[in-house]
């Protein structure tokens, strides 16, 4: 049992900080939500909708 504890302690010491803390998760989640909102707004704009509709029409015409 003692050897196992030593191995675990050594691994923890050598591995360093390998994950995100709760605060980092919160900031990452907020950033992802903000990016998703921005992307949604862009895709909903009339210019982008027209462009996407044109791409879809071309693809459907090419397909058959």
PDB file of N, CA and C in Angstrom:
ATOM      1  N   UNK A   1       0.827  -1.197   0.000  1.00  0.00           N
ATOM      2  CA  UNK A   1       0.000   0.000   0.000  1.00  0.00           C
ATOM      3  C   UNK A   1       0.868   1.256   0.000  1.00  0.00           C
ATOM      4  N   UNK A   2       1.925   1.228   0.709  1.00  0.00           N
ATOM      5  CA  UNK A   2       2.815   2.388   0.803  1.00  0.00           C
ATOM      6  C   UNK A   2       3.414   2.732  -0.558  1.00  0.00           C
ATOM      7  N   UNK A   3       3.793   1.737  -1.326  1.00  0.00           N
ATOM      8  CA  UNK A   3       4.388   1.978  -2.645  1.00  0.00           C
ATOM      9  C   UNK A   3       3.369   2.636  -3.572  1.00  0.00           C
ATOM     10  N   UNK A   4       2.141   2.196  -3.482  1.00  0.00           N
ATOM     11  CA  UNK A   4       1.094   2.775  -4.321  1.00  0.00           C
ATOM     12  C   UNK A   4       0.885   4.250  -3.983  1.00  0.00           C
ATOM     13  N   UNK A   5       0.882   4.585  -2.713  1.00  0.00           N
ATOM     14  CA  UNK A   5       0.712   5.982  -2.301  1.00  0.00           C
ATOM     15  C   UNK A   5       1.871   6.832  -2.806  1.00  0.00           C
ATOM     16  N   UNK A   6       3.069   6.280  -2.767  1.00  0.00           N
ATOM     17  CA  UNK A   6       4.230   7.025  -3.245  1.00  0.00           C
ATOM     18  C   UNK A   6       4.125   7.288  -4.747  1.00  0.00           C
ATOM     19  N   UNK A   7       3.647   6.293  -5.482  1.00  0.00           N
ATOM     20  CA  UNK A   7       3.500   6.452  -6.929  1.00  0.00           C
ATOM     21  C   UNK A   7       2.450   7.515  -7.242  1.00  0.00           C
ATOM     22  N   UNK A   8       1.342   7.485  -6.518  1.00  0.00           N
ATOM     23  CA  UNK A   8       0.281   8.466  -6.738  1.00  0.00           C
ATOM     24  C   UNK A   8       0.776   9.867  -6.420  1.00  0.00           C
ATOM     25  N   UNK A   9       1.479  10.025  -5.320  1.00  0.00           N
ATOM     26  CA  UNK A   9       2.011  11.347  -4.953  1.00  0.00           C
ATOM     27  C   UNK A   9       3.007  11.851  -5.993  1.00  0.00           C
ATOM     28  N   UNK A  10       3.861  10.956  -6.443  1.00  0.00           N
ATOM     29  CA  UNK A  10       4.858  11.348  -7.447  1.00  0.00           C
ATOM     30  C   UNK A  10       4.170  11.766  -8.741  1.00  0.00           C
ATOM     31  N   UNK A  11       3.171  11.002  -9.162  1.00  0.00           N
ATOM     32  CA  UNK A  11       2.452  11.326 -10.402  1.00  0.00           C
ATOM     33  C   UNK A  11       1.769  12.675 -10.277  1.00  0.00           C
ATOM     34  N   UNK A  12       1.127  12.937  -9.161  1.00  0.00           N
ATOM     35  CA  UNK A  12       0.452  14.223  -8.951  1.00  0.00           C
ATOM     36  C   UNK A  12       1.443  15.377  -8.988  1.00  0.00           C
ATOM     37  N   UNK A  13       2.599  15.166  -8.364  1.00  0.00           N
ATOM     38  CA  UNK A  13       3.607  16.222  -8.319  1.00  0.00           C
ATOM     39  C   UNK A  13       4.168  16.499  -9.709  1.00  0.00           C
ATOM     40  N   UNK A  14       4.387  15.459 -10.495  1.00  0.00           N
ATOM     41  CA  UNK A  14       4.995  15.627 -11.809  1.00  0.00           C
ATOM     42  C   UNK A  14       3.992  16.049 -12.879  1.00  0.00           C
ATOM     43  N   UNK A  15       2.723  15.773 -12.676  1.00  0.00           N
ATOM     44  CA  UNK A  15       1.735  16.056 -13.712  1.00  0.00           C
ATOM     45  C   UNK A  15       1.399  17.537 -13.811  1.00  0.00           C
ATOM     46  N   UNK A  16       1.596  18.288 -12.757  1.00  0.00           N
ATOM     47  CA  UNK A  16       1.309  19.720 -12.791  1.00  0.00           C
ATOM     48  C   UNK A  16      -0.177  19.990 -12.883  1.00  0.00           C
ATOM     49  N   UNK A  17      -0.518  21.169 -13.339  1.00  0.00           N
ATOM     50  CA  UNK A  17      -1.911  21.569 -13.481  1.00  0.00           C
ATOM     51  C   UNK A  17      -2.426  21.062 -14.821  1.00  0.00           C
ATOM     52  N   UNK A  18      -3.241  20.024 -14.785  1.00  0.00           N
ATOM     53  CA  UNK A  18      -3.666  19.396 -16.022  1.00  0.00           C
ATOM     54  C   UNK A  18      -5.116  19.668 -16.381  1.00  0.00           C
ATOM     55  N   UNK A  19      -5.811  20.474 -15.598  1.00  0.00           N
ATOM     56  CA  UNK A  19      -7.216  20.716 -15.880  1.00  0.00           C
ATOM     57  C   UNK A  19      -7.599  22.156 -15.641  1.00  0.00           C
ATOM     58  N   UNK A  20      -8.856  22.431 -15.899  1.00  0.00           N
ATOM     59  CA  UNK A  20      -9.348  23.791 -15.676  1.00  0.00           C
ATOM     60  C   UNK A  20     -10.039  23.864 -14.330  1.00  0.00           C
ATOM     61  N   UNK A  21      -9.949  25.008 -13.719  1.00  0.00           N
ATOM     62  CA  UNK A  21     -10.653  25.238 -12.464  1.00  0.00           C
ATOM     63  C   UNK A  21     -12.087  25.653 -12.770  1.00  0.00           C
ATOM     64  N   UNK A  22     -12.886  25.755 -11.747  1.00  0.00           N
ATOM     65  CA  UNK A  22     -14.279  26.139 -11.921  1.00  0.00           C
ATOM     66  C   UNK A  22     -14.398  27.513 -12.570  1.00  0.00           C
ATOM     67  N   UNK A  23     -13.557  28.446 -12.167  1.00  0.00           N
ATOM     68  CA  UNK A  23     -13.596  29.785 -12.760  1.00  0.00           C
ATOM     69  C   UNK A  23     -13.256  29.738 -14.248  1.00  0.00           C
ATOM     70  N   UNK A  24     -12.300  28.916 -14.616  1.00  0.00           N
ATOM     71  CA  UNK A  24     -11.945  28.801 -16.029  1.00  0.00           C
ATOM     72  C   UNK A  24     -13.082  28.187 -16.830  1.00  0.00           C
ATOM     73  N   UNK A  25     -13.774  27.204 -16.257  1.00  0.00           N
ATOM     74  CA  UNK A  25     -14.941  26.628 -16.923  1.00  0.00           C
ATOM     75  C   UNK A  25     -16.016  27.692 -17.121  1.00  0.00           C
ATOM     76  N   UNK A  26     -16.233  28.520 -16.107  1.00  0.00           N
ATOM     77  CA  UNK A  26     -17.250  29.577 -16.195  1.00  0.00           C
ATOM     78  C   UNK A  26     -16.906  30.564 -17.306  1.00  0.00           C
ATOM     79  N   UNK A  27     -15.667  31.001 -17.355  1.00  0.00           N
ATOM     80  CA  UNK A  27     -15.249  31.947 -18.397  1.00  0.00           C
ATOM     81  C   UNK A  27     -15.357  31.297 -19.773  1.00  0.00           C
ATOM     82  N   UNK A  28     -14.945  30.055 -19.873  1.00  0.00           N
ATOM     83  CA  UNK A  28     -15.051  29.345 -21.154  1.00  0.00           C
ATOM     84  C   UNK A  28     -16.487  29.176 -21.603  1.00  0.00           C
ATOM     85  N   UNK A  29     -17.369  28.881 -20.676  1.00  0.00           N
ATOM     86  CA  UNK A  29     -18.785  28.714 -20.998  1.00  0.00           C
ATOM     87  C   UNK A  29     -19.397  30.040 -21.460  1.00  0.00           C
ATOM     88  N   UNK A  30     -19.068  31.114 -20.778  1.00  0.00           N
ATOM     89  CA  UNK A  30     -19.581  32.432 -21.175  1.00  0.00           C
ATOM     90  C   UNK A  30     -19.046  32.817 -22.552  1.00  0.00           C
ATOM     91  N   UNK A  31     -17.776  32.555 -22.798  1.00  0.00           N
ATOM     92  CA  UNK A  31     -17.195  32.873 -24.109  1.00  0.00           C
ATOM     93  C   UNK A  31     -17.859  32.059 -25.213  1.00  0.00           C
ATOM     94  N   UNK A  32     -18.115  30.781 -24.958  1.00  0.00           N
ATOM     95  CA  UNK A  32     -18.770  29.937 -25.958  1.00  0.00           C
ATOM     96  C   UNK A  32     -20.191  30.411 -26.229  1.00  0.00           C
ATOM     97  N   UNK A  33     -20.907  30.804 -25.186  1.00  0.00           N
ATOM     98  CA  UNK A  33     -22.273  31.303 -25.361  1.00  0.00           C
ATOM     99  C   UNK A  33     -22.275  32.619 -26.141  1.00  0.00           C
ATOM    100  N   UNK A  34     -21.324  33.492 -25.854  1.00  0.00           N
ATOM    101  CA  UNK A  34     -21.226  34.759 -26.576  1.00  0.00           C
ATOM    102  C   UNK A  34     -20.907  34.522 -28.051  1.00  0.00           C
ATOM    103  N   UNK A  35     -20.010  33.594 -28.317  1.00  0.00           N
ATOM    104  CA  UNK A  35     -19.659  33.273 -29.701  1.00  0.00           C
ATOM    105  C   UNK A  35     -20.861  32.670 -30.433  1.00  0.00           C
ATOM    106  N   UNK A  36     -21.593  31.788 -29.770  1.00  0.00           N
ATOM    107  CA  UNK A  36     -22.783  31.186 -30.381  1.00  0.00           C
ATOM    108  C   UNK A  36     -23.831  32.250 -30.690  1.00  0.00           C
ATOM    109  N   UNK A  37     -24.005  33.198 -29.784  1.00  0.00           N
ATOM    110  CA  UNK A  37     -24.961  34.282 -30.008  1.00  0.00           C
ATOM    111  C   UNK A  37     -24.549  35.137 -31.201  1.00  0.00           C
ATOM    112  N   UNK A  38     -23.276  35.465 -31.262  1.00  0.00           N
ATOM    113  CA  UNK A  38     -22.769  36.252 -32.385  1.00  0.00           C
ATOM    114  C   UNK A  38     -22.956  35.510 -33.705  1.00  0.00           C
ATOM    115  N   UNK A  39     -22.619  34.233 -33.723  1.00  0.00           N
ATOM    116  CA  UNK A  39     -22.777  33.432 -34.934  1.00  0.00           C
ATOM    117  C   UNK A  39     -24.242  33.348 -35.343  1.00  0.00           C
ATOM    118  N   UNK A  40     -25.138  33.190 -34.378  1.00  0.00           N
ATOM    119  CA  UNK A  40     -26.573  33.137 -34.667  1.00  0.00           C
ATOM    120  C   UNK A  40     -27.043  34.444 -35.291  1.00  0.00           C
ATOM    121  N   UNK A  41     -26.584  35.566 -34.734  1.00  0.00           N
ATOM    122  CA  UNK A  41     -26.968  36.869 -35.281  1.00  0.00           C
ATOM    123  C   UNK A  41     -26.470  37.046 -36.713  1.00  0.00           C
ATOM    124  N   UNK A  42     -25.262  36.594 -36.979  1.00  0.00           N
ATOM    125  CA  UNK A  42     -24.698  36.711 -38.326  1.00  0.00           C
ATOM    126  C   UNK A  42     -25.488  35.869 -39.310  1.00  0.00           C
ATOM    127  N   UNK A  43     -25.789  34.634 -38.933  1.00  0.00           N
ATOM    128  CA  UNK A  43     -26.512  33.734 -39.829  1.00  0.00           C
ATOM    129  C   UNK A  43     -27.940  34.225 -40.071  1.00  0.00           C
ATOM    130  N   UNK A  44     -28.519  34.919 -39.111  1.00  0.00           N
ATOM    131  CA  UNK A  44     -29.882  35.426 -39.248  1.00  0.00           C
ATOM    132  C   UNK A  44     -29.964  36.715 -40.071  1.00  0.00           C
ATOM    133  N   UNK A  45     -28.833  37.312 -40.406  1.00  0.00           N
ATOM    134  CA  UNK A  45     -28.864  38.560 -41.177  1.00  0.00           C
ATOM    135  C   UNK A  45     -29.356  38.285 -42.604  1.00  0.00           C
ATOM    136  N   UNK A  46     -30.051  39.238 -43.202  1.00  0.00           N
ATOM    137  CA  UNK A  46     -30.606  39.033 -44.551  1.00  0.00           C
ATOM    138  C   UNK A  46     -29.536  38.728 -45.606  1.00  0.00           C
ATOM    139  N   UNK A  47     -28.389  39.365 -45.496  1.00  0.00           N
ATOM    140  CA  UNK A  47     -27.330  39.143 -46.483  1.00  0.00           C
ATOM    141  C   UNK A  47     -26.845  37.698 -46.456  1.00  0.00           C
ATOM    142  N   UNK A  48     -26.612  37.202 -45.262  1.00  0.00           N
ATOM    143  CA  UNK A  48     -26.101  35.837 -45.131  1.00  0.00           C
ATOM    144  C   UNK A  48     -27.182  34.838 -45.524  1.00  0.00           C
ATOM    145  N   UNK A  49     -28.428  35.104 -45.164  1.00  0.00           N
ATOM    146  CA  UNK A  49     -29.524  34.212 -45.557  1.00  0.00           C
ATOM    147  C   UNK A  49     -29.625  34.123 -47.082  1.00  0.00           C
ATOM    148  N   UNK A  50     -29.511  35.245 -47.751  1.00  0.00           N
ATOM    149  CA  UNK A  50     -29.574  35.257 -49.211  1.00  0.00           C
ATOM    150  C   UNK A  50     -28.412  34.456 -49.802  1.00  0.00           C
ATOM    151  N   UNK A  51     -27.231  34.666 -49.258  1.00  0.00           N
ATOM    152  CA  UNK A  51     -26.066  33.948 -49.747  1.00  0.00           C
ATOM    153  C   UNK A  51     -26.213  32.434 -49.525  1.00  0.00           C
ATOM    154  N   UNK A  52     -26.667  32.032 -48.341  1.00  0.00           N
ATOM    155  CA  UNK A  52     -26.854  30.609 -48.059  1.00  0.00           C
ATOM    156  C   UNK A  52     -27.935  30.001 -48.948  1.00  0.00           C
ATOM    157  N   UNK A  53     -29.005  30.747 -49.190  1.00  0.00           N
ATOM    158  CA  UNK A  53     -30.063  30.253 -50.072  1.00  0.00           C
ATOM    159  C   UNK A  53     -29.523  30.043 -51.484  1.00  0.00           C
ATOM    160  N   UNK A  54     -28.678  30.950 -51.941  1.00  0.00           N
ATOM    161  CA  UNK A  54     -28.069  30.807 -53.256  1.00  0.00           C
ATOM    162  C   UNK A  54     -27.171  29.582 -53.342  1.00  0.00           C
ATOM    163  N   UNK A  55     -26.409  29.342 -52.308  1.00  0.00           N
ATOM    164  CA  UNK A  55     -25.525  28.163 -52.276  1.00  0.00           C
ATOM    165  C   UNK A  55     -26.355  26.881 -52.302  1.00  0.00           C
ATOM    166  N   UNK A  56     -27.421  26.869 -51.519  1.00  0.00           N
ATOM    167  CA  UNK A  56     -28.281  25.678 -51.479  1.00  0.00           C
ATOM    168  C   UNK A  56     -28.949  25.447 -52.831  1.00  0.00           C
ATOM    169  N   UNK A  57     -29.437  26.514 -53.470  1.00  0.00           N
ATOM    170  CA  UNK A  57     -30.060  26.387 -54.789  1.00  0.00           C
ATOM    171  C   UNK A  57     -29.079  25.815 -55.811  1.00  0.00           C
ATOM    172  N   UNK A  58     -27.856  26.335 -55.815  1.00  0.00           N
ATOM    173  CA  UNK A  58     -26.835  25.831 -56.739  1.00  0.00           C
ATOM    174  C   UNK A  58     -26.550  24.366 -56.490  1.00  0.00           C
ATOM    175  N   UNK A  59     -26.444  23.984 -55.232  1.00  0.00           N
ATOM    176  CA  UNK A  59     -26.165  22.591 -54.905  1.00  0.00           C
ATOM    177  C   UNK A  59     -27.299  21.685 -55.355  1.00  0.00           C
ATOM    178  N   UNK A  60     -28.527  22.129 -55.150  1.00  0.00           N
ATOM    179  CA  UNK A  60     -29.679  21.312 -55.574  1.00  0.00           C
ATOM    180  C   UNK A  60     -29.779  21.223 -57.092  1.00  0.00           C
ATOM    181  N   UNK A  61     -29.450  22.310 -57.792  1.00  0.00           N
ATOM    182  CA  UNK A  61     -29.467  22.275 -59.248  1.00  0.00           C
ATOM    183  C   UNK A  61     -28.398  21.342 -59.784  1.00  0.00           C
ATOM    184  N   UNK A  62     -27.231  21.337 -59.159  1.00  0.00           N
ATOM    185  CA  UNK A  62     -26.141  20.453 -59.598  1.00  0.00           C
ATOM    186  C   UNK A  62     -26.482  18.989 -59.338  1.00  0.00           C
ATOM    187  N   UNK A  63     -27.235  18.743 -58.275  1.00  0.00           N
ATOM    188  CA  UNK A  63     -27.559  17.378 -57.885  1.00  0.00           C
ATOM    189  C   UNK A  63     -28.623  16.769 -58.791  1.00  0.00           C
ATOM    190  N   UNK A  64     -29.402  17.589 -59.409  1.00  0.00           N
ATOM    191  CA  UNK A  64     -30.391  16.933 -60.251  1.00  0.00           C
ATOM    192  C   UNK A  64     -31.471  17.832 -60.627  1.00  0.00           C
TER     193      UNK A  64
END
